[in-house]
Amino acid sequence: MCDHSPQCPDAAATDCCSAHVTADHSEQGWCRLCNGVILFDDGAYLTPEGQPMELRRTA
């Protein structure tokens, strides 16, 4: 459960990658977000269920 105010977006939300960083491993190219998402430097991420995804980019 997120204790941030306002609460971080759920891992299933379209803006899931805007959640707060809870574990920064930028030296390894990734970080874990408050909602359980693992965000990689190349724009890919893993959902808490292990589903690989890519950031939605706008033109």
PDB file of N, CA and C in Angstrom:
ATOM      1  N   MET A   1       0.836  -1.184   0.000  1.00  0.00           N
ATOM      2  CA  MET A   1       0.000   0.000   0.000  1.00  0.00           C
ATOM      3  C   MET A   1       0.882   1.250   0.000  1.00  0.00           C
ATOM      4  N   CYS A   2       0.515   2.195  -0.805  1.00  0.00           N
ATOM      5  CA  CYS A   2       1.268   3.441  -0.954  1.00  0.00           C
ATOM      6  C   CYS A   2       0.919   4.424   0.166  1.00  0.00           C
ATOM      7  N   ASP A   3       1.953   4.993   0.784  1.00  0.00           N
ATOM      8  CA  ASP A   3       1.758   5.995   1.832  1.00  0.00           C
ATOM      9  C   ASP A   3       1.991   7.414   1.323  1.00  0.00           C
ATOM     10  N   HIS A   4       2.275   7.564   0.028  1.00  0.00           N
ATOM     11  CA  HIS A   4       2.539   8.887  -0.531  1.00  0.00           C
ATOM     12  C   HIS A   4       1.239   9.676  -0.680  1.00  0.00           C
ATOM     13  N   SER A   5       1.373  10.984  -0.656  1.00  0.00           N
ATOM     14  CA  SER A   5       0.209  11.849  -0.848  1.00  0.00           C
ATOM     15  C   SER A   5       0.554  12.867  -1.920  1.00  0.00           C
ATOM     16  N   PRO A   6      -0.133  12.848  -3.052  1.00  0.00           N
ATOM     17  CA  PRO A   6      -1.185  11.901  -3.438  1.00  0.00           C
ATOM     18  C   PRO A   6      -0.601  10.506  -3.677  1.00  0.00           C
ATOM     19  N   GLN A   7      -1.469   9.502  -3.636  1.00  0.00           N
ATOM     20  CA  GLN A   7      -1.017   8.128  -3.814  1.00  0.00           C
ATOM     21  C   GLN A   7      -0.429   7.907  -5.196  1.00  0.00           C
ATOM     22  N   CYS A   8       0.543   7.018  -5.259  1.00  0.00           N
ATOM     23  CA  CYS A   8       1.161   6.644  -6.536  1.00  0.00           C
ATOM     24  C   CYS A   8       0.158   5.877  -7.387  1.00  0.00           C
ATOM     25  N   PRO A   9       0.272   5.986  -8.709  1.00  0.00           N
ATOM     26  CA  PRO A   9      -0.630   5.235  -9.582  1.00  0.00           C
ATOM     27  C   PRO A   9      -0.418   3.732  -9.436  1.00  0.00           C
ATOM     28  N   ASP A  10      -1.482   2.990  -9.608  1.00  0.00           N
ATOM     29  CA  ASP A  10      -1.445   1.534  -9.566  1.00  0.00           C
ATOM     30  C   ASP A  10      -0.575   1.007 -10.702  1.00  0.00           C
ATOM     31  N   ALA A  11      -0.043  -0.184 -10.537  1.00  0.00           N
ATOM     32  CA  ALA A  11       0.810  -0.793 -11.558  1.00  0.00           C
ATOM     33  C   ALA A  11       0.070  -1.028 -12.870  1.00  0.00           C
ATOM     34  N   ALA A  12      -1.259  -1.107 -12.838  1.00  0.00           N
ATOM     35  CA  ALA A  12      -2.049  -1.327 -14.051  1.00  0.00           C
ATOM     36  C   ALA A  12      -2.455  -0.014 -14.729  1.00  0.00           C
ATOM     37  N   ALA A  13      -2.172   1.115 -14.105  1.00  0.00           N
ATOM     38  CA  ALA A  13      -2.556   2.416 -14.662  1.00  0.00           C
ATOM     39  C   ALA A  13      -1.649   2.801 -15.826  1.00  0.00           C
ATOM     40  N   THR A  14      -2.170   3.636 -16.719  1.00  0.00           N
ATOM     41  CA  THR A  14      -1.370   4.064 -17.875  1.00  0.00           C
ATOM     42  C   THR A  14      -0.173   4.917 -17.455  1.00  0.00           C
ATOM     43  N   ASP A  15      -0.258   5.568 -16.303  1.00  0.00           N
ATOM     44  CA  ASP A  15       0.852   6.389 -15.807  1.00  0.00           C
ATOM     45  C   ASP A  15       1.616   5.690 -14.677  1.00  0.00           C
ATOM     46  N   CYS A  16       1.652   4.359 -14.724  1.00  0.00           N
ATOM     47  CA  CYS A  16       2.263   3.566 -13.643  1.00  0.00           C
ATOM     48  C   CYS A  16       3.726   3.918 -13.400  1.00  0.00           C
ATOM     49  N   CYS A  17       4.434   4.374 -14.399  1.00  0.00           N
ATOM     50  CA  CYS A  17       5.866   4.656 -14.255  1.00  0.00           C
ATOM     51  C   CYS A  17       6.142   6.005 -13.600  1.00  0.00           C
ATOM     52  N   SER A  18       5.091   6.723 -13.205  1.00  0.00           N
ATOM     53  CA  SER A  18       5.289   7.987 -12.499  1.00  0.00           C
ATOM     54  C   SER A  18       5.247   7.810 -10.982  1.00  0.00           C
ATOM     55  N   ALA A  19       5.181   6.572 -10.508  1.00  0.00           N
ATOM     56  CA  ALA A  19       5.203   6.298  -9.069  1.00  0.00           C
ATOM     57  C   ALA A  19       6.578   6.645  -8.496  1.00  0.00           C
ATOM     58  N   HIS A  20       6.633   6.858  -7.191  1.00  0.00           N
ATOM     59  CA  HIS A  20       7.889   7.183  -6.513  1.00  0.00           C
ATOM     60  C   HIS A  20       8.868   6.010  -6.575  1.00  0.00           C
ATOM     61  N   VAL A  21      10.143   6.337  -6.678  1.00  0.00           N
ATOM     62  CA  VAL A  21      11.203   5.326  -6.653  1.00  0.00           C
ATOM     63  C   VAL A  21      11.409   4.883  -5.204  1.00  0.00           C
ATOM     64  N   THR A  22      11.399   3.561  -4.973  1.00  0.00           N
ATOM     65  CA  THR A  22      11.653   3.033  -3.630  1.00  0.00           C
ATOM     66  C   THR A  22      13.008   2.341  -3.535  1.00  0.00           C
ATOM     67  N   ALA A  23      13.571   1.935  -4.655  1.00  0.00           N
ATOM     68  CA  ALA A  23      14.903   1.319  -4.677  1.00  0.00           C
ATOM     69  C   ALA A  23      15.594   1.747  -5.965  1.00  0.00           C
ATOM     70  N   ASP A  24      16.633   2.562  -5.816  1.00  0.00           N
ATOM     71  CA  ASP A  24      17.347   3.095  -6.980  1.00  0.00           C
ATOM     72  C   ASP A  24      18.610   2.281  -7.238  1.00  0.00           C
ATOM     73  N   HIS A  25      18.639   1.639  -8.382  1.00  0.00           N
ATOM     74  CA  HIS A  25      19.826   0.894  -8.811  1.00  0.00           C
ATOM     75  C   HIS A  25      20.241   1.402 -10.195  1.00  0.00           C
ATOM     76  N   SER A  26      20.316   2.728 -10.320  1.00  0.00           N
ATOM     77  CA  SER A  26      20.635   3.346 -11.606  1.00  0.00           C
ATOM     78  C   SER A  26      22.008   2.920 -12.116  1.00  0.00           C
ATOM     79  N   GLU A  27      22.916   2.546 -11.211  1.00  0.00           N
ATOM     80  CA  GLU A  27      24.222   2.056 -11.654  1.00  0.00           C
ATOM     81  C   GLU A  27      24.092   0.732 -12.404  1.00  0.00           C
ATOM     82  N   GLN A  28      22.965   0.036 -12.191  1.00  0.00           N
ATOM     83  CA  GLN A  28      22.681  -1.212 -12.899  1.00  0.00           C
ATOM     84  C   GLN A  28      21.620  -1.017 -13.981  1.00  0.00           C
ATOM     85  N   GLY A  29      21.082   0.198 -14.086  1.00  0.00           N
ATOM     86  CA  GLY A  29      20.125   0.504 -15.142  1.00  0.00           C
ATOM     87  C   GLY A  29      18.670   0.250 -14.810  1.00  0.00           C
ATOM     88  N   TRP A  30      18.313   0.183 -13.527  1.00  0.00           N
ATOM     89  CA  TRP A  30      16.916  -0.049 -13.167  1.00  0.00           C
ATOM     90  C   TRP A  30      16.597   0.537 -11.794  1.00  0.00           C
ATOM     91  N   CYS A  31      15.297   0.670 -11.535  1.00  0.00           N
ATOM     92  CA  CYS A  31      14.815   1.068 -10.217  1.00  0.00           C
ATOM     93  C   CYS A  31      13.462   0.406  -9.966  1.00  0.00           C
ATOM     94  N   ARG A  32      13.130   0.240  -8.689  1.00  0.00           N
ATOM     95  CA  ARG A  32      11.823  -0.300  -8.315  1.00  0.00           C
ATOM     96  C   ARG A  32      10.954   0.856  -7.847  1.00  0.00           C
ATOM     97  N   LEU A  33       9.726   0.877  -8.321  1.00  0.00           N
ATOM     98  CA  LEU A  33       8.797   1.937  -7.968  1.00  0.00           C
ATOM     99  C   LEU A  33       7.870   1.491  -6.839  1.00  0.00           C
ATOM    100  N   CYS A  34       7.216   2.436  -6.219  1.00  0.00           N
ATOM    101  CA  CYS A  34       6.333   2.194  -5.084  1.00  0.00           C
ATOM    102  C   CYS A  34       5.240   1.171  -5.395  1.00  0.00           C
ATOM    103  N   ASN A  35       4.788   1.128  -6.642  1.00  0.00           N
ATOM    104  CA  ASN A  35       3.707   0.222  -7.035  1.00  0.00           C
ATOM    105  C   ASN A  35       4.209  -1.157  -7.462  1.00  0.00           C
ATOM    106  N   GLY A  36       5.496  -1.421  -7.284  1.00  0.00           N
ATOM    107  CA  GLY A  36       6.056  -2.727  -7.612  1.00  0.00           C
ATOM    108  C   GLY A  36       6.616  -2.850  -9.016  1.00  0.00           C
ATOM    109  N   VAL A  37       6.459  -1.826  -9.833  1.00  0.00           N
ATOM    110  CA  VAL A  37       6.991  -1.832 -11.198  1.00  0.00           C
ATOM    111  C   VAL A  37       8.515  -1.727 -11.145  1.00  0.00           C
ATOM    112  N   ILE A  38       9.192  -2.497 -11.989  1.00  0.00           N
ATOM    113  CA  ILE A  38      10.643  -2.381 -12.172  1.00  0.00           C
ATOM    114  C   ILE A  38      10.853  -1.610 -13.474  1.00  0.00           C
ATOM    115  N   LEU A  39      11.447  -0.428 -13.372  1.00  0.00           N
ATOM    116  CA  LEU A  39      11.636   0.467 -14.512  1.00  0.00           C
ATOM    117  C   LEU A  39      13.094   0.436 -14.944  1.00  0.00           C
ATOM    118  N   PHE A  40      13.326   0.179 -16.232  1.00  0.00           N
ATOM    119  CA  PHE A  40      14.675   0.110 -16.792  1.00  0.00           C
ATOM    120  C   PHE A  40      15.008   1.407 -17.528  1.00  0.00           C
ATOM    121  N   ASP A  41      16.299   1.724 -17.605  1.00  0.00           N
ATOM    122  CA  ASP A  41      16.757   2.956 -18.251  1.00  0.00           C
ATOM    123  C   ASP A  41      16.386   3.050 -19.723  1.00  0.00           C
ATOM    124  N   ASP A  42      16.181   1.926 -20.388  1.00  0.00           N
ATOM    125  CA  ASP A  42      15.873   1.946 -21.820  1.00  0.00           C
ATOM    126  C   ASP A  42      14.390   2.176 -22.113  1.00  0.00           C
ATOM    127  N   GLY A  43      13.580   2.400 -21.075  1.00  0.00           N
ATOM    128  CA  GLY A  43      12.159   2.666 -21.276  1.00  0.00           C
ATOM    129  C   GLY A  43      11.274   1.449 -21.109  1.00  0.00           C
ATOM    130  N   ALA A  44      11.854   0.290 -20.964  1.00  0.00           N
ATOM    131  CA  ALA A  44      11.057  -0.913 -20.720  1.00  0.00           C
ATOM    132  C   ALA A  44      10.782  -1.024 -19.221  1.00  0.00           C
ATOM    133  N   TYR A  45       9.751  -1.779 -18.868  1.00  0.00           N
ATOM    134  CA  TYR A  45       9.483  -2.044 -17.462  1.00  0.00           C
ATOM    135  C   TYR A  45       8.789  -3.381 -17.294  1.00  0.00           C
ATOM    136  N   LEU A  46       8.867  -3.895 -16.080  1.00  0.00           N
ATOM    137  CA  LEU A  46       8.193  -5.134 -15.715  1.00  0.00           C
ATOM    138  C   LEU A  46       7.094  -4.806 -14.725  1.00  0.00           C
ATOM    139  N   THR A  47       5.922  -5.375 -14.935  1.00  0.00           N
ATOM    140  CA  THR A  47       4.845  -5.233 -13.969  1.00  0.00           C
ATOM    141  C   THR A  47       5.154  -6.123 -12.766  1.00  0.00           C
ATOM    142  N   PRO A  48       4.467  -5.932 -11.652  1.00  0.00           N
ATOM    143  CA  PRO A  48       4.693  -6.806 -10.496  1.00  0.00           C
ATOM    144  C   PRO A  48       4.441  -8.287 -10.804  1.00  0.00           C
ATOM    145  N   GLU A  49       3.635  -8.563 -11.824  1.00  0.00           N
ATOM    146  CA  GLU A  49       3.355  -9.944 -12.227  1.00  0.00           C
ATOM    147  C   GLU A  49       4.424 -10.501 -13.159  1.00  0.00           C
ATOM    148  N   GLY A  50       5.403  -9.668 -13.549  1.00  0.00           N
ATOM    149  CA  GLY A  50       6.487 -10.109 -14.418  1.00  0.00           C
ATOM    150  C   GLY A  50       6.233  -9.898 -15.898  1.00  0.00           C
ATOM    151  N   GLN A  51       5.170  -9.177 -16.240  1.00  0.00           N
ATOM    152  CA  GLN A  51       4.829  -8.907 -17.640  1.00  0.00           C
ATOM    153  C   GLN A  51       5.738  -7.803 -18.191  1.00  0.00           C
ATOM    154  N   PRO A  52       6.518  -8.067 -19.253  1.00  0.00           N
ATOM    155  CA  PRO A  52       7.353  -7.013 -19.839  1.00  0.00           C
ATOM    156  C   PRO A  52       6.501  -6.017 -20.622  1.00  0.00           C
ATOM    157  N   MET A  53       6.812  -4.736 -20.468  1.00  0.00           N
ATOM    158  CA  MET A  53       6.067  -3.663 -21.136  1.00  0.00           C
ATOM    159  C   MET A  53       7.063  -2.607 -21.611  1.00  0.00           C
ATOM    160  N   GLU A  54       6.585  -1.688 -22.459  1.00  0.00           N
ATOM    161  CA  GLU A  54       7.394  -0.539 -22.878  1.00  0.00           C
ATOM    162  C   GLU A  54       6.620   0.726 -22.590  1.00  0.00           C
ATOM    163  N   LEU A  55       7.347   1.782 -22.239  1.00  0.00           N
ATOM    164  CA  LEU A  55       6.700   3.064 -21.980  1.00  0.00           C
ATOM    165  C   LEU A  55       5.961   3.531 -23.216  1.00  0.00           C
ATOM    166  N   ARG A  56       4.818   4.123 -23.002  1.00  0.00           N
ATOM    167  CA  ARG A  56       4.068   4.725 -24.112  1.00  0.00           C
ATOM    168  C   ARG A  56       4.634   6.119 -24.340  1.00  0.00           C
ATOM    169  N   ARG A  57       5.160   6.350 -25.499  1.00  0.00           N
ATOM    170  CA  ARG A  57       5.762   7.651 -25.814  1.00  0.00           C
ATOM    171  C   ARG A  57       4.802   8.460 -26.676  1.00  0.00           C
ATOM    172  N   THR A  58       4.756   9.757 -26.396  1.00  0.00           N
ATOM    173  CA  THR A  58       3.926  10.641 -27.204  1.00  0.00           C
ATOM    174  C   THR A  58       4.807  11.411 -28.165  1.00  0.00           C
ATOM    175  N   ALA A  59       4.278  11.709 -29.330  1.00  0.00           N
ATOM    176  CA  ALA A  59       5.052  12.406 -30.363  1.00  0.00           C
ATOM    177  C   ALA A  59       5.111  13.883 -30.107  1.00  0.00           C
TER     178      ALA A  59
END
